[in-house]
Amino acid sequence: MNFAEKLRQLRHQKGLSQEAVAKAIGVTRRTYISYELDGRYPKTRERYAKLAEIFDVDTNYLFTENEAFVSQAGAKYGSRGMQQANALVSELSGLFAGGELSEEDRDAVMQSLQEAYWLAKKENRKYRKKPKE
């Protein structure tokens, strides 16, 4: 179940309107509707915490691995980073779930992604500021 589906289900279980939830977390109704329908996510962890409090669930329940990644990208890189992370997750999910690639090809894509990650991490170490001694 994705974030939007969880919100919708929890809101219905509590018998709350979209307007009531939006007001309780400090956003407009339109913004809240975008969480339920447009695949958008709250920009702050505080909003997640308020949602969890309203629905009597653990904050972690509202996150899936992908949503946590998207949220962290947003916190670190702003709304553009969040959009890019969301697009990346969507494209990769489609690639792996679409059934177009053989298992061997999916493994090759995954291996390439891991190699790119480690190479970028190694390169970033070169440019990281070293602590003064």
N, C-alpha and C. Protein backbone atom coordinates (compact mmCIF):
# COMPACT_ATOMS: atom_id res chain seq x y z
N MET A 1 0.86 -1.17 0.00
CA MET A 1 0.00 0.00 0.00
C MET A 1 0.91 1.24 0.00
N ASN A 2 0.66 2.15 -0.92
CA ASN A 2 1.49 3.35 -0.96
C ASN A 2 0.97 4.42 0.00
N PHE A 3 1.70 5.51 0.10
CA PHE A 3 1.39 6.57 1.04
C PHE A 3 -0.03 7.11 0.85
N ALA A 4 -0.40 7.40 -0.39
CA ALA A 4 -1.73 7.95 -0.67
C ALA A 4 -2.83 6.99 -0.22
N GLU A 5 -2.66 5.72 -0.52
CA GLU A 5 -3.66 4.73 -0.12
C GLU A 5 -3.77 4.61 1.39
N LYS A 6 -2.62 4.67 2.07
CA LYS A 6 -2.63 4.61 3.54
C LYS A 6 -3.40 5.79 4.11
N LEU A 7 -3.13 6.99 3.60
CA LEU A 7 -3.83 8.18 4.10
C LEU A 7 -5.33 8.06 3.91
N ARG A 8 -5.73 7.68 2.72
CA ARG A 8 -7.16 7.55 2.40
C ARG A 8 -7.82 6.54 3.33
N GLN A 9 -7.19 5.38 3.49
CA GLN A 9 -7.76 4.33 4.32
C GLN A 9 -7.85 4.79 5.79
N LEU A 10 -6.79 5.38 6.29
CA LEU A 10 -6.78 5.83 7.69
C LEU A 10 -7.81 6.93 7.92
N ARG A 11 -7.93 7.84 6.98
CA ARG A 11 -8.89 8.93 7.12
C ARG A 11 -10.31 8.37 7.15
N HIS A 12 -10.61 7.43 6.28
CA HIS A 12 -11.94 6.81 6.26
C HIS A 12 -12.22 6.05 7.56
N GLN A 13 -11.20 5.34 8.06
CA GLN A 13 -11.37 4.59 9.32
C GLN A 13 -11.70 5.52 10.49
N LYS A 14 -11.11 6.70 10.47
CA LYS A 14 -11.35 7.68 11.55
C LYS A 14 -12.61 8.52 11.29
N GLY A 15 -13.17 8.39 10.10
CA GLY A 15 -14.37 9.16 9.78
C GLY A 15 -14.12 10.66 9.65
N LEU A 16 -12.94 11.01 9.18
CA LEU A 16 -12.56 12.42 9.05
C LEU A 16 -12.69 12.88 7.61
N SER A 17 -12.93 14.16 7.44
CA SER A 17 -12.96 14.75 6.10
C SER A 17 -11.54 15.18 5.72
N GLN A 18 -11.34 15.37 4.44
CA GLN A 18 -10.05 15.88 3.98
C GLN A 18 -9.78 17.26 4.57
N GLU A 19 -10.82 18.06 4.65
CA GLU A 19 -10.71 19.41 5.22
C GLU A 19 -10.23 19.36 6.67
N ALA A 20 -10.80 18.45 7.46
CA ALA A 20 -10.44 18.33 8.87
C ALA A 20 -8.98 17.91 9.05
N VAL A 21 -8.54 16.94 8.25
CA VAL A 21 -7.15 16.49 8.35
C VAL A 21 -6.21 17.60 7.90
N ALA A 22 -6.55 18.27 6.81
CA ALA A 22 -5.72 19.36 6.31
C ALA A 22 -5.55 20.44 7.37
N LYS A 23 -6.65 20.83 8.00
CA LYS A 23 -6.60 21.86 9.03
C LYS A 23 -5.74 21.40 10.22
N ALA A 24 -5.88 20.14 10.60
CA ALA A 24 -5.15 19.61 11.75
C ALA A 24 -3.63 19.56 11.52
N ILE A 25 -3.22 19.38 10.27
CA ILE A 25 -1.77 19.31 10.00
C ILE A 25 -1.22 20.63 9.47
N GLY A 26 -2.09 21.62 9.29
CA GLY A 26 -1.63 22.95 8.91
C GLY A 26 -1.34 23.14 7.43
N VAL A 27 -2.14 22.47 6.58
CA VAL A 27 -2.01 22.67 5.13
C VAL A 27 -3.38 22.99 4.56
N THR A 28 -3.40 23.42 3.32
CA THR A 28 -4.68 23.67 2.66
C THR A 28 -5.32 22.34 2.28
N ARG A 29 -6.61 22.39 2.04
CA ARG A 29 -7.32 21.18 1.60
C ARG A 29 -6.74 20.69 0.28
N ARG A 30 -6.42 21.62 -0.59
CA ARG A 30 -5.85 21.26 -1.89
C ARG A 30 -4.54 20.49 -1.72
N THR A 31 -3.70 20.96 -0.81
CA THR A 31 -2.42 20.26 -0.55
C THR A 31 -2.68 18.86 -0.03
N TYR A 32 -3.60 18.73 0.92
CA TYR A 32 -3.89 17.41 1.47
C TYR A 32 -4.44 16.48 0.37
N ILE A 33 -5.32 17.01 -0.45
CA ILE A 33 -5.87 16.19 -1.55
C ILE A 33 -4.75 15.70 -2.45
N SER A 34 -3.73 16.54 -2.67
CA SER A 34 -2.61 16.12 -3.51
C SER A 34 -1.85 14.95 -2.88
N TYR A 35 -1.85 14.85 -1.55
CA TYR A 35 -1.23 13.70 -0.89
C TYR A 35 -2.01 12.43 -1.19
N GLU A 36 -3.33 12.54 -1.19
CA GLU A 36 -4.17 11.36 -1.41
C GLU A 36 -4.33 10.99 -2.88
N LEU A 37 -4.27 11.96 -3.77
CA LEU A 37 -4.59 11.67 -5.17
C LEU A 37 -3.43 11.83 -6.15
N ASP A 38 -2.54 12.77 -5.90
CA ASP A 38 -1.52 13.10 -6.90
C ASP A 38 -0.15 12.50 -6.60
N GLY A 39 -0.06 11.68 -5.56
CA GLY A 39 1.22 11.06 -5.25
C GLY A 39 2.24 12.03 -4.67
N ARG A 40 1.79 13.11 -4.09
CA ARG A 40 2.71 14.05 -3.46
C ARG A 40 2.91 13.67 -2.00
N TYR A 41 3.96 14.22 -1.42
CA TYR A 41 4.33 13.88 -0.05
C TYR A 41 4.50 15.15 0.78
N PRO A 42 4.26 15.07 2.09
CA PRO A 42 4.53 16.22 2.95
C PRO A 42 6.01 16.60 2.86
N LYS A 43 6.27 17.90 2.98
CA LYS A 43 7.65 18.37 2.83
C LYS A 43 8.45 18.26 4.12
N THR A 44 7.78 18.11 5.24
CA THR A 44 8.50 18.06 6.51
C THR A 44 8.13 16.83 7.32
N ARG A 45 9.06 16.42 8.14
CA ARG A 45 8.81 15.28 9.04
C ARG A 45 7.75 15.63 10.07
N GLU A 46 7.65 16.91 10.39
CA GLU A 46 6.65 17.35 11.36
C GLU A 46 5.24 17.03 10.86
N ARG A 47 5.03 17.20 9.57
CA ARG A 47 3.70 16.88 9.00
C ARG A 47 3.43 15.39 9.08
N TYR A 48 4.46 14.60 8.83
CA TYR A 48 4.30 13.15 8.99
C TYR A 48 3.93 12.82 10.43
N ALA A 49 4.61 13.48 11.36
CA ALA A 49 4.34 13.24 12.79
C ALA A 49 2.91 13.62 13.14
N LYS A 50 2.43 14.74 12.60
CA LYS A 50 1.05 15.16 12.88
C LYS A 50 0.06 14.16 12.29
N LEU A 51 0.33 13.69 11.07
CA LEU A 51 -0.55 12.70 10.46
C LEU A 51 -0.58 11.42 11.31
N ALA A 52 0.59 10.98 11.75
CA ALA A 52 0.65 9.77 12.58
C ALA A 52 -0.14 9.96 13.87
N GLU A 53 -0.04 11.14 14.45
CA GLU A 53 -0.77 11.42 15.68
C GLU A 53 -2.28 11.41 15.45
N ILE A 54 -2.72 12.03 14.38
CA ILE A 54 -4.15 12.08 14.06
C ILE A 54 -4.71 10.67 13.84
N PHE A 55 -3.95 9.85 13.13
CA PHE A 55 -4.44 8.53 12.76
C PHE A 55 -4.04 7.44 13.76
N ASP A 56 -3.37 7.82 14.85
CA ASP A 56 -2.94 6.87 15.88
C ASP A 56 -2.11 5.72 15.30
N VAL A 57 -1.12 6.09 14.48
CA VAL A 57 -0.20 5.09 13.93
C VAL A 57 1.22 5.58 14.16
N ASP A 58 2.15 4.67 14.04
CA ASP A 58 3.56 5.02 14.14
C ASP A 58 3.95 5.77 12.86
N THR A 59 4.81 6.76 13.01
CA THR A 59 5.26 7.53 11.84
C THR A 59 5.86 6.62 10.79
N ASN A 60 6.60 5.61 11.22
CA ASN A 60 7.24 4.70 10.27
C ASN A 60 6.23 3.95 9.41
N TYR A 61 5.02 3.76 9.92
CA TYR A 61 4.00 3.09 9.13
C TYR A 61 3.68 3.88 7.86
N LEU A 62 3.75 5.20 7.97
CA LEU A 62 3.41 6.04 6.82
C LEU A 62 4.48 5.98 5.73
N PHE A 63 5.67 5.56 6.11
CA PHE A 63 6.78 5.47 5.15
C PHE A 63 6.89 4.06 4.59
N THR A 64 7.23 3.99 3.34
CA THR A 64 7.76 2.75 2.78
C THR A 64 9.21 3.08 2.49
N GLU A 65 9.98 2.12 2.04
CA GLU A 65 11.37 2.43 1.73
C GLU A 65 11.47 3.56 0.72
N ASN A 66 10.66 3.52 -0.31
CA ASN A 66 10.72 4.54 -1.34
C ASN A 66 10.32 5.90 -0.80
N GLU A 67 9.28 5.93 0.02
CA GLU A 67 8.81 7.21 0.54
C GLU A 67 9.84 7.81 1.49
N ALA A 68 10.54 6.97 2.25
CA ALA A 68 11.58 7.48 3.13
C ALA A 68 12.71 8.09 2.30
N PHE A 69 13.08 7.42 1.22
CA PHE A 69 14.13 7.93 0.32
C PHE A 69 13.71 9.27 -0.28
N VAL A 70 12.49 9.35 -0.76
CA VAL A 70 12.00 10.59 -1.37
C VAL A 70 11.96 11.72 -0.34
N SER A 71 11.50 11.41 0.85
CA SER A 71 11.43 12.41 1.92
C SER A 71 12.82 12.91 2.31
N GLN A 72 13.77 11.99 2.42
CA GLN A 72 15.13 12.38 2.77
C GLN A 72 15.75 13.24 1.67
N ALA A 73 15.48 12.90 0.43
CA ALA A 73 15.98 13.71 -0.68
C ALA A 73 15.39 15.11 -0.62
N GLY A 74 14.12 15.20 -0.27
CA GLY A 74 13.48 16.50 -0.13
C GLY A 74 14.07 17.32 0.99
N ALA A 75 14.34 16.66 2.11
CA ALA A 75 14.92 17.36 3.26
C ALA A 75 16.33 17.85 2.95
N LYS A 76 17.06 17.07 2.19
CA LYS A 76 18.45 17.40 1.91
C LYS A 76 18.61 18.33 0.71
N TYR A 77 17.78 18.14 -0.33
CA TYR A 77 17.98 18.87 -1.58
C TYR A 77 16.80 19.74 -1.99
N GLY A 78 15.78 19.84 -1.16
CA GLY A 78 14.64 20.69 -1.47
C GLY A 78 13.63 20.01 -2.38
N SER A 79 12.68 20.80 -2.84
CA SER A 79 11.57 20.22 -3.62
C SER A 79 12.04 19.65 -4.95
N ARG A 80 13.03 20.25 -5.56
CA ARG A 80 13.54 19.70 -6.83
C ARG A 80 14.18 18.33 -6.60
N GLY A 81 14.94 18.20 -5.53
CA GLY A 81 15.55 16.91 -5.20
C GLY A 81 14.50 15.86 -4.92
N MET A 82 13.42 16.29 -4.26
CA MET A 82 12.32 15.38 -3.97
C MET A 82 11.66 14.91 -5.27
N GLN A 83 11.44 15.82 -6.18
CA GLN A 83 10.83 15.46 -7.46
C GLN A 83 11.73 14.51 -8.25
N GLN A 84 13.03 14.79 -8.24
CA GLN A 84 13.96 13.93 -8.96
C GLN A 84 14.02 12.53 -8.34
N ALA A 85 14.02 12.47 -7.02
CA ALA A 85 14.03 11.17 -6.34
C ALA A 85 12.76 10.39 -6.65
N ASN A 86 11.63 11.08 -6.64
CA ASN A 86 10.35 10.43 -6.94
C ASN A 86 10.34 9.91 -8.37
N ALA A 87 10.86 10.71 -9.30
CA ALA A 87 10.93 10.28 -10.70
C ALA A 87 11.84 9.06 -10.85
N LEU A 88 12.97 9.07 -10.16
CA LEU A 88 13.90 7.95 -10.22
C LEU A 88 13.26 6.67 -9.69
N VAL A 89 12.59 6.77 -8.56
CA VAL A 89 11.92 5.61 -7.97
C VAL A 89 10.85 5.08 -8.94
N SER A 90 10.08 5.98 -9.52
CA SER A 90 9.02 5.56 -10.45
C SER A 90 9.59 4.86 -11.66
N GLU A 91 10.64 5.44 -12.24
CA GLU A 91 11.23 4.85 -13.43
C GLU A 91 11.85 3.49 -13.14
N LEU A 92 12.57 3.39 -12.04
CA LEU A 92 13.19 2.11 -11.70
C LEU A 92 12.15 1.06 -11.33
N SER A 93 11.11 1.47 -10.63
CA SER A 93 10.04 0.53 -10.29
C SER A 93 9.39 0.00 -11.55
N GLY A 94 9.14 0.89 -12.50
CA GLY A 94 8.56 0.47 -13.77
C GLY A 94 9.47 -0.45 -14.54
N LEU A 95 10.75 -0.15 -14.51
CA LEU A 95 11.73 -0.97 -15.22
C LEU A 95 11.77 -2.39 -14.67
N PHE A 96 11.78 -2.49 -13.33
CA PHE A 96 11.88 -3.81 -12.72
C PHE A 96 10.56 -4.56 -12.68
N ALA A 97 9.46 -3.85 -12.57
CA ALA A 97 8.16 -4.51 -12.44
C ALA A 97 7.47 -4.72 -13.78
N GLY A 98 7.94 -4.04 -14.81
CA GLY A 98 7.25 -4.07 -16.09
C GLY A 98 7.30 -5.39 -16.82
N GLY A 99 8.21 -6.26 -16.44
CA GLY A 99 8.28 -7.55 -17.10
C GLY A 99 8.95 -7.51 -18.45
N GLU A 100 9.49 -6.36 -18.84
CA GLU A 100 10.12 -6.21 -20.15
C GLU A 100 11.53 -6.80 -20.16
N LEU A 101 12.20 -6.78 -19.02
CA LEU A 101 13.58 -7.25 -18.95
C LEU A 101 13.64 -8.67 -18.42
N SER A 102 14.61 -9.41 -18.94
CA SER A 102 14.84 -10.75 -18.39
C SER A 102 15.49 -10.59 -17.02
N GLU A 103 15.49 -11.66 -16.27
CA GLU A 103 16.11 -11.60 -14.94
C GLU A 103 17.60 -11.27 -15.07
N GLU A 104 18.24 -11.80 -16.08
CA GLU A 104 19.66 -11.52 -16.31
C GLU A 104 19.89 -10.03 -16.58
N ASP A 105 19.02 -9.43 -17.37
CA ASP A 105 19.14 -8.00 -17.66
C ASP A 105 18.86 -7.15 -16.42
N ARG A 106 17.87 -7.55 -15.62
CA ARG A 106 17.59 -6.81 -14.38
C ARG A 106 18.79 -6.87 -13.44
N ASP A 107 19.43 -8.05 -13.36
CA ASP A 107 20.63 -8.18 -12.53
C ASP A 107 21.74 -7.27 -13.04
N ALA A 108 21.90 -7.19 -14.36
CA ALA A 108 22.93 -6.33 -14.94
C ALA A 108 22.66 -4.86 -14.64
N VAL A 109 21.40 -4.44 -14.71
CA VAL A 109 21.03 -3.06 -14.38
C VAL A 109 21.35 -2.78 -12.92
N MET A 110 20.98 -3.69 -12.06
CA MET A 110 21.22 -3.51 -10.63
C MET A 110 22.71 -3.44 -10.34
N GLN A 111 23.48 -4.29 -10.97
CA GLN A 111 24.93 -4.27 -10.76
C GLN A 111 25.52 -2.95 -11.25
N SER A 112 25.05 -2.46 -12.38
CA SER A 112 25.53 -1.17 -12.90
C SER A 112 25.20 -0.02 -11.96
N LEU A 113 23.99 -0.05 -11.39
CA LEU A 113 23.61 0.99 -10.43
C LEU A 113 24.50 0.95 -9.20
N GLN A 114 24.78 -0.24 -8.70
CA GLN A 114 25.65 -0.35 -7.53
C GLN A 114 27.06 0.13 -7.84
N GLU A 115 27.57 -0.23 -9.01
CA GLU A 115 28.91 0.23 -9.39
C GLU A 115 28.95 1.75 -9.53
N ALA A 116 27.92 2.33 -10.10
CA ALA A 116 27.86 3.79 -10.24
C ALA A 116 27.82 4.46 -8.87
N TYR A 117 27.07 3.88 -7.95
CA TYR A 117 26.98 4.42 -6.59
C TYR A 117 28.35 4.43 -5.93
N TRP A 118 29.04 3.29 -5.96
CA TRP A 118 30.34 3.20 -5.29
C TRP A 118 31.38 4.09 -5.96
N LEU A 119 31.33 4.21 -7.27
CA LEU A 119 32.25 5.10 -7.98
C LEU A 119 32.01 6.55 -7.59
N ALA A 120 30.75 6.95 -7.53
CA ALA A 120 30.42 8.32 -7.14
C ALA A 120 30.85 8.59 -5.71
N LYS A 121 30.65 7.62 -4.85
CA LYS A 121 31.05 7.78 -3.45
C LYS A 121 32.56 7.94 -3.34
N LYS A 122 33.30 7.16 -4.10
CA LYS A 122 34.76 7.24 -4.09
C LYS A 122 35.22 8.61 -4.62
N GLU A 123 34.60 9.06 -5.70
CA GLU A 123 34.95 10.36 -6.27
C GLU A 123 34.63 11.50 -5.31
N ASN A 124 33.52 11.41 -4.62
CA ASN A 124 33.13 12.46 -3.68
C ASN A 124 34.11 12.57 -2.51
N ARG A 125 34.73 11.47 -2.15
CA ARG A 125 35.71 11.51 -1.06
C ARG A 125 36.90 12.40 -1.42
N LYS A 126 37.25 12.44 -2.70
CA LYS A 126 38.38 13.26 -3.14
C LYS A 126 38.14 14.74 -2.88
N TYR A 127 36.89 15.16 -2.97
CA TYR A 127 36.57 16.57 -2.89
C TYR A 127 36.01 16.99 -1.53
N ARG A 128 35.89 16.05 -0.64
CA ARG A 128 35.37 16.35 0.69
C ARG A 128 36.45 17.09 1.49
N LYS A 129 36.01 18.08 2.23
CA LYS A 129 36.95 18.82 3.06
C LYS A 129 37.48 17.93 4.16
N LYS A 130 38.77 18.01 4.35
CA LYS A 130 39.39 17.21 5.40
C LYS A 130 39.44 18.04 6.67
N PRO A 131 39.20 17.40 7.81
CA PRO A 131 39.25 18.15 9.07
C PRO A 131 40.66 18.66 9.34
N LYS A 132 40.73 19.85 9.91
CA LYS A 132 42.03 20.43 10.24
C LYS A 132 42.58 19.74 11.47
N GLU A 133 43.85 19.49 11.43
CA GLU A 133 44.48 18.79 12.56
C GLU A 133 45.11 19.75 13.51
